[in-house]
Amino acid sequence: MTVRGIVHGNHVILEDGASLPESAQVEVYVLNGPERRVPTQAERDAALKDLLSMNLPVADWEQMEQEIIQGATACLP
């Protein structure tokens, strides 16, 4: 049986609602993909400047923050 998923911190999150018993041992194979690097502060600042220059309409900041948090944590066990 092969089940795909992602590693998030110390957790393995399986796709398609597949489940394993609590504390089940899993073997993880790392597949090399495109290299990812953390952007520099200058790159982050430039991206923020680009976004702000678009002058896009946005919702209330607190509402947006809650939506981002909900979206980011929805897939966590």
N, C-alpha and C. Protein backbone atom coordinates (compact mmCIF):
# COMPACT_ATOMS: atom_id res chain seq x y z
N MET A 1 0.86 -1.18 0.00
CA MET A 1 0.00 0.00 0.00
C MET A 1 0.89 1.23 0.00
N THR A 2 0.59 2.17 -0.85
CA THR A 2 1.31 3.45 -0.89
C THR A 2 0.33 4.57 -0.64
N VAL A 3 0.64 5.39 0.33
CA VAL A 3 -0.18 6.56 0.66
C VAL A 3 0.73 7.77 0.59
N ARG A 4 0.29 8.77 -0.12
CA ARG A 4 1.09 9.99 -0.24
C ARG A 4 0.65 11.01 0.80
N GLY A 5 1.55 11.93 1.11
CA GLY A 5 1.24 12.98 2.06
C GLY A 5 2.37 13.99 2.10
N ILE A 6 2.33 14.85 3.10
CA ILE A 6 3.38 15.85 3.28
C ILE A 6 3.86 15.79 4.72
N VAL A 7 5.07 16.28 4.93
CA VAL A 7 5.61 16.40 6.28
C VAL A 7 5.44 17.85 6.70
N HIS A 8 4.80 18.07 7.83
CA HIS A 8 4.59 19.42 8.36
C HIS A 8 5.15 19.41 9.77
N GLY A 9 6.35 19.99 9.93
CA GLY A 9 7.02 19.91 11.23
C GLY A 9 7.34 18.46 11.53
N ASN A 10 6.85 17.97 12.66
CA ASN A 10 7.07 16.57 13.03
C ASN A 10 5.88 15.69 12.69
N HIS A 11 4.94 16.19 11.89
CA HIS A 11 3.73 15.46 11.56
C HIS A 11 3.72 15.06 10.09
N VAL A 12 3.21 13.89 9.81
CA VAL A 12 3.00 13.45 8.44
C VAL A 12 1.51 13.58 8.17
N ILE A 13 1.14 14.39 7.18
CA ILE A 13 -0.26 14.62 6.84
C ILE A 13 -0.55 13.87 5.55
N LEU A 14 -1.47 12.91 5.63
CA LEU A 14 -1.76 12.05 4.49
C LEU A 14 -2.82 12.67 3.59
N GLU A 15 -2.73 12.38 2.28
CA GLU A 15 -3.70 12.88 1.32
C GLU A 15 -4.99 12.08 1.36
N ASP A 16 -6.02 12.66 0.80
CA ASP A 16 -7.28 11.98 0.52
C ASP A 16 -7.92 11.30 1.72
N GLY A 17 -7.75 11.86 2.89
CA GLY A 17 -8.42 11.32 4.07
C GLY A 17 -7.91 9.97 4.52
N ALA A 18 -6.77 9.51 3.98
CA ALA A 18 -6.21 8.24 4.44
C ALA A 18 -5.81 8.39 5.90
N SER A 19 -5.91 7.33 6.65
CA SER A 19 -5.55 7.42 8.06
C SER A 19 -4.78 6.21 8.51
N LEU A 20 -4.02 6.39 9.55
CA LEU A 20 -3.27 5.31 10.18
C LEU A 20 -3.59 5.36 11.67
N PRO A 21 -3.40 4.25 12.36
CA PRO A 21 -3.62 4.26 13.81
C PRO A 21 -2.68 5.24 14.50
N GLU A 22 -3.10 5.81 15.60
CA GLU A 22 -2.28 6.73 16.39
C GLU A 22 -0.95 6.06 16.71
N SER A 23 0.13 6.78 16.56
CA SER A 23 1.51 6.33 16.84
C SER A 23 1.99 5.23 15.88
N ALA A 24 1.34 5.07 14.74
CA ALA A 24 1.79 4.08 13.76
C ALA A 24 3.15 4.53 13.21
N GLN A 25 4.03 3.60 12.98
CA GLN A 25 5.32 3.92 12.40
C GLN A 25 5.17 4.06 10.89
N VAL A 26 5.84 5.05 10.33
CA VAL A 26 5.81 5.24 8.88
C VAL A 26 7.24 5.37 8.38
N GLU A 27 7.43 5.03 7.14
CA GLU A 27 8.72 5.18 6.50
C GLU A 27 8.56 6.30 5.48
N VAL A 28 9.41 7.29 5.55
CA VAL A 28 9.30 8.46 4.67
C VAL A 28 10.43 8.43 3.66
N TYR A 29 10.09 8.52 2.39
CA TYR A 29 11.08 8.62 1.32
C TYR A 29 11.11 10.07 0.86
N VAL A 30 12.28 10.64 0.84
CA VAL A 30 12.43 12.03 0.43
C VAL A 30 12.73 12.06 -1.06
N LEU A 31 11.89 12.75 -1.80
CA LEU A 31 12.09 12.90 -3.23
C LEU A 31 12.61 14.31 -3.48
N ASN A 32 13.69 14.40 -4.20
CA ASN A 32 14.26 15.71 -4.48
C ASN A 32 13.40 16.44 -5.49
N GLY A 33 13.06 17.64 -5.17
CA GLY A 33 12.30 18.49 -6.07
C GLY A 33 13.09 19.75 -6.32
N PRO A 34 12.43 20.75 -6.86
CA PRO A 34 13.13 22.01 -7.08
C PRO A 34 13.64 22.55 -5.74
N GLU A 35 14.83 23.06 -5.75
CA GLU A 35 15.39 23.60 -4.51
C GLU A 35 14.60 24.82 -4.07
N ARG A 36 14.37 24.89 -2.81
CA ARG A 36 13.67 26.05 -2.24
C ARG A 36 14.62 26.74 -1.28
N ARG A 37 14.57 28.02 -1.28
CA ARG A 37 15.40 28.79 -0.36
C ARG A 37 14.55 29.85 0.30
N VAL A 38 14.97 30.28 1.45
CA VAL A 38 14.27 31.34 2.16
C VAL A 38 14.65 32.66 1.51
N PRO A 39 13.65 33.47 1.14
CA PRO A 39 13.99 34.76 0.52
C PRO A 39 14.71 35.68 1.50
N THR A 40 15.56 36.53 0.97
CA THR A 40 16.26 37.50 1.81
C THR A 40 15.27 38.57 2.28
N GLN A 41 15.67 39.32 3.29
CA GLN A 41 14.81 40.38 3.78
C GLN A 41 14.57 41.42 2.69
N ALA A 42 15.58 41.69 1.87
CA ALA A 42 15.42 42.66 0.78
C ALA A 42 14.38 42.15 -0.23
N GLU A 43 14.40 40.85 -0.53
CA GLU A 43 13.42 40.28 -1.45
C GLU A 43 12.01 40.34 -0.85
N ARG A 44 11.91 40.06 0.43
CA ARG A 44 10.61 40.14 1.10
C ARG A 44 10.08 41.57 1.11
N ASP A 45 10.98 42.52 1.39
CA ASP A 45 10.59 43.93 1.39
C ASP A 45 10.13 44.37 0.00
N ALA A 46 10.83 43.91 -1.04
CA ALA A 46 10.45 44.27 -2.41
C ALA A 46 9.09 43.68 -2.77
N ALA A 47 8.84 42.43 -2.35
CA ALA A 47 7.54 41.81 -2.63
C ALA A 47 6.43 42.56 -1.91
N LEU A 48 6.66 42.96 -0.67
CA LEU A 48 5.66 43.72 0.07
C LEU A 48 5.41 45.07 -0.60
N LYS A 49 6.47 45.72 -1.03
CA LYS A 49 6.33 47.01 -1.72
C LYS A 49 5.49 46.85 -2.99
N ASP A 50 5.74 45.77 -3.74
CA ASP A 50 4.97 45.50 -4.96
C ASP A 50 3.49 45.30 -4.64
N LEU A 51 3.21 44.53 -3.60
CA LEU A 51 1.82 44.29 -3.22
C LEU A 51 1.13 45.58 -2.79
N LEU A 52 1.80 46.36 -1.97
CA LEU A 52 1.20 47.60 -1.49
C LEU A 52 0.98 48.60 -2.62
N SER A 53 1.86 48.58 -3.62
CA SER A 53 1.73 49.53 -4.73
C SER A 53 0.51 49.22 -5.60
N MET A 54 -0.04 48.02 -5.49
CA MET A 54 -1.22 47.65 -6.28
C MET A 54 -2.48 48.31 -5.75
N ASN A 55 -2.45 48.78 -4.51
CA ASN A 55 -3.58 49.49 -3.92
C ASN A 55 -4.87 48.67 -4.02
N LEU A 56 -4.79 47.39 -3.73
CA LEU A 56 -5.93 46.49 -3.83
C LEU A 56 -6.88 46.68 -2.64
N PRO A 57 -8.17 46.52 -2.87
CA PRO A 57 -9.11 46.60 -1.74
C PRO A 57 -8.93 45.37 -0.85
N VAL A 58 -8.95 45.58 0.44
CA VAL A 58 -8.78 44.48 1.38
C VAL A 58 -9.84 44.56 2.46
N ALA A 59 -10.09 43.43 3.09
CA ALA A 59 -11.03 43.38 4.21
C ALA A 59 -10.34 43.90 5.47
N ASP A 60 -11.06 43.87 6.54
CA ASP A 60 -10.52 44.26 7.84
C ASP A 60 -9.30 43.39 8.16
N TRP A 61 -8.23 43.99 8.67
CA TRP A 61 -6.99 43.26 8.93
C TRP A 61 -7.19 42.10 9.89
N GLU A 62 -7.96 42.30 10.94
CA GLU A 62 -8.20 41.23 11.91
C GLU A 62 -8.93 40.06 11.25
N GLN A 63 -9.91 40.37 10.40
CA GLN A 63 -10.65 39.33 9.68
C GLN A 63 -9.72 38.56 8.76
N MET A 64 -8.87 39.29 8.03
CA MET A 64 -7.93 38.63 7.13
C MET A 64 -6.96 37.74 7.91
N GLU A 65 -6.49 38.21 9.05
CA GLU A 65 -5.58 37.42 9.86
C GLU A 65 -6.23 36.11 10.30
N GLN A 66 -7.48 36.19 10.76
CA GLN A 66 -8.19 34.99 11.19
C GLN A 66 -8.40 34.02 10.02
N GLU A 67 -8.73 34.52 8.85
CA GLU A 67 -8.90 33.67 7.67
C GLU A 67 -7.60 32.99 7.28
N ILE A 68 -6.50 33.71 7.37
CA ILE A 68 -5.19 33.13 7.05
C ILE A 68 -4.85 32.02 8.05
N ILE A 69 -5.06 32.28 9.32
CA ILE A 69 -4.77 31.30 10.36
C ILE A 69 -5.64 30.06 10.17
N GLN A 70 -6.93 30.25 9.89
CA GLN A 70 -7.83 29.12 9.68
C GLN A 70 -7.40 28.29 8.48
N GLY A 71 -7.03 28.96 7.40
CA GLY A 71 -6.59 28.25 6.20
C GLY A 71 -5.29 27.49 6.43
N ALA A 72 -4.37 28.10 7.18
CA ALA A 72 -3.08 27.46 7.42
C ALA A 72 -3.16 26.29 8.37
N THR A 73 -4.15 26.30 9.27
CA THR A 73 -4.23 25.24 10.27
C THR A 73 -5.31 24.21 9.95
N ALA A 74 -6.06 24.41 8.89
CA ALA A 74 -7.16 23.48 8.56
C ALA A 74 -6.68 22.07 8.27
N CYS A 75 -5.47 21.93 7.74
CA CYS A 75 -4.98 20.60 7.37
C CYS A 75 -4.19 19.93 8.49
N LEU A 76 -4.01 20.62 9.60
CA LEU A 76 -3.23 20.03 10.71
C LEU A 76 -4.09 19.04 11.50
N PRO A 77 -3.43 18.01 12.04
CA PRO A 77 -4.21 17.03 12.82
C PRO A 77 -4.71 17.61 14.13
